[in-house]
């Protein structure tokens, strides 16, 4: 995507244009779900977290100066939401006397999965740009 298209998409998103919002969602949702699922190990929860993070993004739509800032927000907010989820799960386990299999977060693994999610985002973007019969 060119810089001019990035600026146009950012402006469309800021004004609440449905097409701009859908484009950002389409570009980032699947990689975020992948990233979140690798952390929380539950696909449904990963999807819920991704959706909640996008809702937060919509409430803060005027706070971003670039698409890179939006992407950074999405992954940072997702990571934090996943860690919050895991903390709550851990508290539930303790409350229920389920002290086995407490989840340990490996920051290096999180960074690796974030990189994989970004690569997947690029692949999905390229697939979307192909002619319909080539997809």
N, C-alpha and C. Protein backbone atom coordinates (compact mmCIF):
# COMPACT_ATOMS: atom_id res chain seq x y z
N UNK A 1 0.86 -1.17 0.00
CA UNK A 1 0.00 0.00 0.00
C UNK A 1 0.90 1.23 0.00
N UNK A 2 0.58 2.19 -0.82
CA UNK A 2 1.42 3.38 -0.92
C UNK A 2 1.13 4.35 0.23
N UNK A 3 2.04 5.29 0.39
CA UNK A 3 1.88 6.28 1.45
C UNK A 3 0.60 7.09 1.26
N UNK A 4 0.30 7.44 0.01
CA UNK A 4 -0.94 8.19 -0.26
C UNK A 4 -2.16 7.37 0.14
N UNK A 5 -2.15 6.08 -0.18
CA UNK A 5 -3.26 5.21 0.22
C UNK A 5 -3.33 5.08 1.73
N UNK A 6 -2.15 5.00 2.39
CA UNK A 6 -2.12 4.92 3.85
C UNK A 6 -2.77 6.15 4.47
N UNK A 7 -2.42 7.32 3.96
CA UNK A 7 -2.97 8.57 4.48
C UNK A 7 -4.48 8.61 4.25
N UNK A 8 -4.90 8.20 3.07
CA UNK A 8 -6.32 8.17 2.74
C UNK A 8 -7.06 7.21 3.67
N UNK A 9 -6.50 6.02 3.88
CA UNK A 9 -7.13 5.05 4.77
C UNK A 9 -7.19 5.58 6.19
N UNK A 10 -6.12 6.20 6.65
CA UNK A 10 -6.09 6.77 8.00
C UNK A 10 -7.17 7.84 8.16
N UNK A 11 -7.30 8.71 7.19
CA UNK A 11 -8.32 9.76 7.25
C UNK A 11 -9.73 9.17 7.22
N UNK A 12 -9.94 8.17 6.39
CA UNK A 12 -11.25 7.53 6.32
C UNK A 12 -11.60 6.88 7.66
N UNK A 13 -10.60 6.25 8.27
CA UNK A 13 -10.81 5.64 9.57
C UNK A 13 -11.14 6.69 10.62
N UNK A 14 -10.40 7.78 10.62
CA UNK A 14 -10.60 8.85 11.62
C UNK A 14 -12.00 9.45 11.56
N UNK A 15 -12.54 9.59 10.35
CA UNK A 15 -13.87 10.20 10.24
C UNK A 15 -14.99 9.17 10.44
N UNK A 16 -14.60 7.92 10.66
CA UNK A 16 -15.59 6.88 10.90
C UNK A 16 -16.18 6.29 9.65
N UNK A 17 -15.50 6.46 8.52
CA UNK A 17 -15.96 5.91 7.25
C UNK A 17 -15.98 4.38 7.33
N UNK A 18 -17.12 3.79 7.02
CA UNK A 18 -17.29 2.35 7.15
C UNK A 18 -16.29 1.57 6.30
N UNK A 19 -16.01 2.04 5.11
CA UNK A 19 -15.07 1.34 4.24
C UNK A 19 -13.66 1.37 4.83
N UNK A 20 -13.26 2.52 5.38
CA UNK A 20 -11.95 2.63 6.01
C UNK A 20 -11.83 1.72 7.22
N UNK A 21 -12.88 1.68 8.03
CA UNK A 21 -12.88 0.82 9.21
C UNK A 21 -12.81 -0.64 8.79
N UNK A 22 -13.60 -1.02 7.80
CA UNK A 22 -13.60 -2.41 7.32
C UNK A 22 -12.23 -2.80 6.77
N UNK A 23 -11.59 -1.89 6.05
CA UNK A 23 -10.27 -2.18 5.48
C UNK A 23 -9.24 -2.44 6.58
N UNK A 24 -9.23 -1.61 7.62
CA UNK A 24 -8.32 -1.84 8.74
C UNK A 24 -8.64 -3.16 9.43
N UNK A 25 -9.91 -3.42 9.62
CA UNK A 25 -10.33 -4.67 10.27
C UNK A 25 -9.89 -5.87 9.45
N UNK A 26 -10.16 -5.82 8.14
CA UNK A 26 -9.81 -6.92 7.25
C UNK A 26 -8.30 -7.15 7.22
N UNK A 27 -7.54 -6.10 7.29
CA UNK A 27 -6.08 -6.20 7.23
C UNK A 27 -5.49 -6.77 8.51
N UNK A 28 -6.06 -6.44 9.65
CA UNK A 28 -5.43 -6.77 10.93
C UNK A 28 -6.11 -7.86 11.75
N UNK A 29 -7.36 -8.18 11.49
CA UNK A 29 -8.09 -9.08 12.36
C UNK A 29 -7.49 -10.49 12.43
N UNK A 30 -7.27 -11.11 11.28
CA UNK A 30 -6.75 -12.49 11.29
C UNK A 30 -5.36 -12.59 11.92
N UNK A 31 -4.43 -11.69 11.59
CA UNK A 31 -3.13 -11.77 12.28
C UNK A 31 -3.25 -11.58 13.79
N UNK A 32 -4.15 -10.69 14.23
CA UNK A 32 -4.35 -10.50 15.67
C UNK A 32 -4.93 -11.75 16.32
N UNK A 33 -5.88 -12.38 15.65
CA UNK A 33 -6.45 -13.62 16.19
C UNK A 33 -5.36 -14.68 16.33
N UNK A 34 -4.53 -14.81 15.32
CA UNK A 34 -3.44 -15.77 15.37
C UNK A 34 -2.52 -15.46 16.55
N UNK A 35 -2.10 -14.22 16.65
CA UNK A 35 -1.21 -13.77 17.72
C UNK A 35 -1.83 -14.05 19.09
N UNK A 36 -3.09 -13.67 19.25
CA UNK A 36 -3.78 -13.85 20.54
C UNK A 36 -3.96 -15.33 20.87
N UNK A 37 -4.27 -16.13 19.86
CA UNK A 37 -4.48 -17.56 20.09
C UNK A 37 -3.19 -18.22 20.55
N UNK A 38 -2.06 -17.79 20.04
CA UNK A 38 -0.78 -18.36 20.46
C UNK A 38 -0.49 -18.04 21.92
N UNK A 39 -1.01 -16.94 22.40
CA UNK A 39 -0.77 -16.56 23.80
C UNK A 39 -1.79 -17.24 24.73
N UNK A 40 -3.07 -17.15 24.39
CA UNK A 40 -4.11 -17.64 25.31
C UNK A 40 -4.48 -19.10 25.08
N UNK A 41 -4.09 -19.65 23.94
CA UNK A 41 -4.34 -21.07 23.63
C UNK A 41 -5.81 -21.43 23.48
N UNK A 42 -6.67 -20.45 23.27
CA UNK A 42 -8.10 -20.69 23.06
C UNK A 42 -8.55 -19.78 21.91
N UNK A 43 -8.99 -20.39 20.81
CA UNK A 43 -9.33 -19.60 19.63
C UNK A 43 -10.50 -18.65 19.89
N UNK A 44 -11.53 -19.14 20.57
CA UNK A 44 -12.70 -18.27 20.82
C UNK A 44 -12.30 -17.06 21.64
N UNK A 45 -11.51 -17.28 22.67
CA UNK A 45 -11.06 -16.16 23.50
C UNK A 45 -10.17 -15.22 22.69
N UNK A 46 -9.34 -15.78 21.82
CA UNK A 46 -8.46 -14.97 20.97
C UNK A 46 -9.30 -14.07 20.05
N UNK A 47 -10.37 -14.63 19.49
CA UNK A 47 -11.25 -13.84 18.63
C UNK A 47 -11.96 -12.75 19.44
N UNK A 48 -12.41 -13.10 20.64
CA UNK A 48 -13.07 -12.12 21.50
C UNK A 48 -12.12 -10.97 21.85
N UNK A 49 -10.89 -11.32 22.18
CA UNK A 49 -9.90 -10.28 22.51
C UNK A 49 -9.65 -9.40 21.30
N UNK A 50 -9.52 -10.00 20.12
CA UNK A 50 -9.28 -9.22 18.90
C UNK A 50 -10.42 -8.24 18.66
N UNK A 51 -11.64 -8.71 18.85
CA UNK A 51 -12.81 -7.85 18.66
C UNK A 51 -12.82 -6.71 19.67
N UNK A 52 -12.54 -7.03 20.93
CA UNK A 52 -12.51 -5.99 21.97
C UNK A 52 -11.43 -4.94 21.68
N UNK A 53 -10.29 -5.39 21.19
CA UNK A 53 -9.21 -4.46 20.88
C UNK A 53 -9.61 -3.54 19.73
N UNK A 54 -10.31 -4.08 18.73
CA UNK A 54 -10.78 -3.23 17.65
C UNK A 54 -11.80 -2.22 18.13
N UNK A 55 -12.64 -2.61 19.07
CA UNK A 55 -13.60 -1.66 19.64
C UNK A 55 -12.87 -0.53 20.38
N UNK A 56 -11.82 -0.89 21.12
CA UNK A 56 -11.01 0.14 21.79
C UNK A 56 -10.39 1.07 20.77
N UNK A 57 -9.91 0.49 19.67
CA UNK A 57 -9.31 1.29 18.60
C UNK A 57 -10.32 2.30 18.05
N UNK A 58 -11.53 1.85 17.85
CA UNK A 58 -12.57 2.76 17.32
C UNK A 58 -12.83 3.93 18.26
N UNK A 59 -12.78 3.68 19.57
CA UNK A 59 -13.00 4.75 20.54
C UNK A 59 -11.83 5.74 20.57
N UNK A 60 -10.67 5.30 20.12
CA UNK A 60 -9.47 6.14 20.15
C UNK A 60 -9.06 6.58 18.75
N UNK A 61 -9.95 6.52 17.80
CA UNK A 61 -9.59 6.70 16.39
C UNK A 61 -8.89 8.02 16.08
N UNK A 62 -9.08 9.03 16.88
CA UNK A 62 -8.44 10.32 16.62
C UNK A 62 -7.07 10.45 17.27
N UNK A 63 -6.63 9.41 17.97
CA UNK A 63 -5.37 9.46 18.70
C UNK A 63 -4.16 9.01 17.87
N UNK A 64 -4.37 8.63 16.63
CA UNK A 64 -3.29 8.03 15.84
C UNK A 64 -2.89 8.91 14.66
N UNK A 65 -1.56 9.02 14.48
CA UNK A 65 -1.04 9.84 13.39
C UNK A 65 -0.62 9.04 12.18
N UNK A 66 -0.60 7.71 12.30
CA UNK A 66 -0.19 6.87 11.18
C UNK A 66 -0.77 5.47 11.34
N UNK A 67 -0.72 4.72 10.23
CA UNK A 67 -1.17 3.34 10.29
C UNK A 67 -0.22 2.49 11.14
N UNK A 68 1.05 2.85 11.17
CA UNK A 68 2.00 2.14 12.02
C UNK A 68 1.64 2.30 13.50
N UNK A 69 1.19 3.48 13.87
CA UNK A 69 0.75 3.70 15.26
C UNK A 69 -0.47 2.84 15.57
N UNK A 70 -1.37 2.71 14.61
CA UNK A 70 -2.55 1.87 14.79
C UNK A 70 -2.14 0.42 14.96
N UNK A 71 -1.24 -0.06 14.10
CA UNK A 71 -0.76 -1.44 14.19
C UNK A 71 -0.09 -1.69 15.54
N UNK A 72 0.75 -0.75 15.96
CA UNK A 72 1.43 -0.90 17.26
C UNK A 72 0.40 -0.95 18.39
N UNK A 73 -0.61 -0.09 18.32
CA UNK A 73 -1.67 -0.11 19.33
C UNK A 73 -2.37 -1.47 19.35
N UNK A 74 -2.74 -1.97 18.17
CA UNK A 74 -3.47 -3.23 18.10
C UNK A 74 -2.70 -4.38 18.75
N UNK A 75 -1.41 -4.48 18.42
CA UNK A 75 -0.63 -5.59 18.97
C UNK A 75 -0.32 -5.39 20.45
N UNK A 76 -0.05 -4.16 20.85
CA UNK A 76 0.22 -3.91 22.27
C UNK A 76 -1.03 -4.13 23.11
N UNK A 77 -2.15 -3.60 22.66
CA UNK A 77 -3.41 -3.78 23.38
C UNK A 77 -3.80 -5.26 23.41
N UNK A 78 -3.56 -5.97 22.32
CA UNK A 78 -3.86 -7.40 22.28
C UNK A 78 -2.99 -8.17 23.27
N UNK A 79 -1.70 -7.87 23.28
CA UNK A 79 -0.80 -8.55 24.21
C UNK A 79 -1.25 -8.30 25.65
N UNK A 80 -1.57 -7.06 25.97
CA UNK A 80 -2.01 -6.73 27.33
C UNK A 80 -3.32 -7.42 27.69
N UNK A 81 -4.25 -7.46 26.74
CA UNK A 81 -5.53 -8.13 26.99
C UNK A 81 -5.32 -9.64 27.18
N UNK A 82 -4.42 -10.22 26.41
CA UNK A 82 -4.12 -11.64 26.58
C UNK A 82 -3.50 -11.91 27.94
N UNK A 83 -2.57 -11.07 28.33
CA UNK A 83 -1.93 -11.25 29.64
C UNK A 83 -2.96 -11.08 30.76
N UNK A 84 -3.87 -10.12 30.61
CA UNK A 84 -4.95 -9.95 31.60
C UNK A 84 -5.82 -11.20 31.67
N UNK A 85 -6.15 -11.73 30.50
CA UNK A 85 -6.95 -12.96 30.45
C UNK A 85 -6.23 -14.09 31.17
N UNK A 86 -4.94 -14.24 30.90
CA UNK A 86 -4.18 -15.32 31.54
C UNK A 86 -4.09 -15.13 33.05
N UNK A 87 -3.95 -13.87 33.48
CA UNK A 87 -3.93 -13.60 34.93
C UNK A 87 -5.26 -13.99 35.57
N UNK A 88 -6.36 -13.66 34.90
CA UNK A 88 -7.68 -14.02 35.43
C UNK A 88 -7.85 -15.53 35.46
N UNK A 89 -7.37 -16.20 34.41
CA UNK A 89 -7.44 -17.65 34.38
C UNK A 89 -6.64 -18.25 35.53
N UNK A 90 -5.48 -17.68 35.77
CA UNK A 90 -4.62 -18.16 36.85
C UNK A 90 -5.33 -17.97 38.20
N UNK A 91 -5.95 -16.81 38.39
CA UNK A 91 -6.68 -16.56 39.63
C UNK A 91 -7.84 -17.54 39.80
N UNK A 92 -8.52 -17.85 38.71
CA UNK A 92 -9.60 -18.84 38.76
C UNK A 92 -9.06 -20.20 39.18
N UNK A 93 -7.94 -20.57 38.63
CA UNK A 93 -7.35 -21.87 38.97
C UNK A 93 -6.99 -21.92 40.45
N UNK A 94 -6.41 -20.85 40.94
CA UNK A 94 -6.04 -20.81 42.35
C UNK A 94 -7.29 -20.88 43.21
N UNK A 95 -8.29 -20.12 42.84
CA UNK A 95 -9.55 -20.10 43.59
C UNK A 95 -10.18 -21.49 43.62
N UNK A 96 -10.05 -22.23 42.54
CA UNK A 96 -10.64 -23.56 42.44
C UNK A 96 -9.67 -24.66 42.85
N UNK A 97 -8.55 -24.27 43.46
CA UNK A 97 -7.53 -25.23 43.89
C UNK A 97 -6.97 -26.07 42.74
N UNK A 98 -6.91 -25.46 41.56
CA UNK A 98 -6.31 -26.14 40.42
C UNK A 98 -4.92 -25.54 40.22
N UNK A 99 -3.97 -25.98 41.01
CA UNK A 99 -2.65 -25.37 40.99
C UNK A 99 -1.72 -25.97 39.94
N UNK A 100 -2.18 -26.97 39.22
CA UNK A 100 -1.31 -27.55 38.19
C UNK A 100 -1.46 -26.79 36.87
N UNK A 101 -0.46 -26.88 36.07
CA UNK A 101 -0.44 -26.30 34.73
C UNK A 101 -0.67 -24.79 34.71
N UNK A 102 -0.05 -24.06 35.62
CA UNK A 102 -0.14 -22.60 35.61
C UNK A 102 0.63 -22.10 34.39
N UNK A 103 0.02 -21.23 33.65
CA UNK A 103 0.60 -20.75 32.40
C UNK A 103 1.75 -19.80 32.68
N UNK A 104 2.87 -20.08 32.03
CA UNK A 104 4.04 -19.22 32.15
C UNK A 104 4.24 -18.52 30.81
N UNK A 105 4.37 -17.23 30.85
CA UNK A 105 4.53 -16.44 29.64
C UNK A 105 6.00 -16.29 29.32
N UNK A 106 6.37 -16.64 28.11
CA UNK A 106 7.73 -16.47 27.63
C UNK A 106 7.72 -15.27 26.69
N UNK A 107 8.36 -14.19 27.10
CA UNK A 107 8.36 -12.96 26.29
C UNK A 107 8.95 -13.20 24.90
N UNK A 108 9.98 -14.06 24.80
CA UNK A 108 10.56 -14.35 23.48
C UNK A 108 9.54 -15.03 22.58
N UNK A 109 8.76 -15.93 23.13
CA UNK A 109 7.73 -16.60 22.35
C UNK A 109 6.69 -15.58 21.86
N UNK A 110 6.32 -14.67 22.72
CA UNK A 110 5.36 -13.64 22.33
C UNK A 110 5.92 -12.80 21.18
N UNK A 111 7.18 -12.41 21.27
CA UNK A 111 7.80 -11.64 20.19
C UNK A 111 7.84 -12.43 18.89
N UNK A 112 8.17 -13.73 18.98
CA UNK A 112 8.21 -14.57 17.78
C UNK A 112 6.83 -14.68 17.16
N UNK A 113 5.81 -14.85 17.97
CA UNK A 113 4.46 -14.99 17.45
C UNK A 113 3.96 -13.67 16.86
N UNK A 114 4.39 -12.54 17.44
CA UNK A 114 4.02 -11.25 16.88
C UNK A 114 4.62 -11.11 15.48
N UNK A 115 5.88 -11.52 15.32
CA UNK A 115 6.53 -11.47 14.01
C UNK A 115 5.81 -12.38 13.02
N UNK A 116 5.44 -13.58 13.45
CA UNK A 116 4.71 -14.50 12.58
C UNK A 116 3.37 -13.91 12.17
N UNK A 117 2.69 -13.27 13.11
CA UNK A 117 1.39 -12.65 12.80
C UNK A 117 1.56 -11.53 11.78
N UNK A 118 2.63 -10.76 11.90
CA UNK A 118 2.88 -9.67 10.94
C UNK A 118 3.19 -10.24 9.56
N UNK A 119 3.93 -11.33 9.52
CA UNK A 119 4.23 -11.98 8.23
C UNK A 119 2.94 -12.49 7.60
N UNK A 120 2.10 -13.12 8.42
CA UNK A 120 0.81 -13.59 7.92
C UNK A 120 -0.03 -12.43 7.39
N UNK A 121 0.04 -11.29 8.06
CA UNK A 121 -0.71 -10.12 7.61
C UNK A 121 -0.26 -9.73 6.21
N UNK A 122 1.04 -9.75 5.97
CA UNK A 122 1.57 -9.41 4.64
C UNK A 122 1.11 -10.41 3.60
N UNK A 123 1.14 -11.69 3.97
CA UNK A 123 0.70 -12.73 3.04
C UNK A 123 -0.78 -12.55 2.71
N UNK A 124 -1.61 -12.34 3.74
CA UNK A 124 -3.04 -12.14 3.50
C UNK A 124 -3.29 -10.91 2.62
N UNK A 125 -2.53 -9.86 2.85
CA UNK A 125 -2.69 -8.64 2.05
C UNK A 125 -2.35 -8.92 0.59
N UNK A 126 -1.30 -9.68 0.35
CA UNK A 126 -0.92 -10.02 -1.02
C UNK A 126 -2.00 -10.88 -1.67
N UNK A 127 -2.54 -11.83 -0.92
CA UNK A 127 -3.60 -12.69 -1.46
C UNK A 127 -4.81 -11.85 -1.82
N UNK A 128 -5.17 -10.90 -0.96
CA UNK A 128 -6.32 -10.04 -1.22
C UNK A 128 -6.11 -9.16 -2.45
N UNK A 129 -4.85 -8.84 -2.77
CA UNK A 129 -4.59 -7.98 -3.92
C UNK A 129 -4.58 -8.76 -5.23
N UNK A 130 -4.61 -10.10 -5.18
CA UNK A 130 -4.64 -10.90 -6.39
C UNK A 130 -5.99 -10.79 -7.08
N UNK A 131 -6.01 -11.00 -8.38
CA UNK A 131 -7.31 -11.06 -9.07
C UNK A 131 -8.16 -12.17 -8.47
N UNK A 132 -9.45 -12.00 -8.51
CA UNK A 132 -10.38 -12.92 -7.85
C UNK A 132 -10.14 -14.37 -8.25
N UNK A 133 -9.88 -14.62 -9.51
CA UNK A 133 -9.72 -16.01 -9.97
C UNK A 133 -8.39 -16.62 -9.51
N UNK A 134 -7.46 -15.83 -9.03
CA UNK A 134 -6.17 -16.34 -8.56
C UNK A 134 -6.16 -16.60 -7.05
N UNK A 135 -7.12 -16.06 -6.31
CA UNK A 135 -7.15 -16.22 -4.86
C UNK A 135 -7.34 -17.67 -4.51
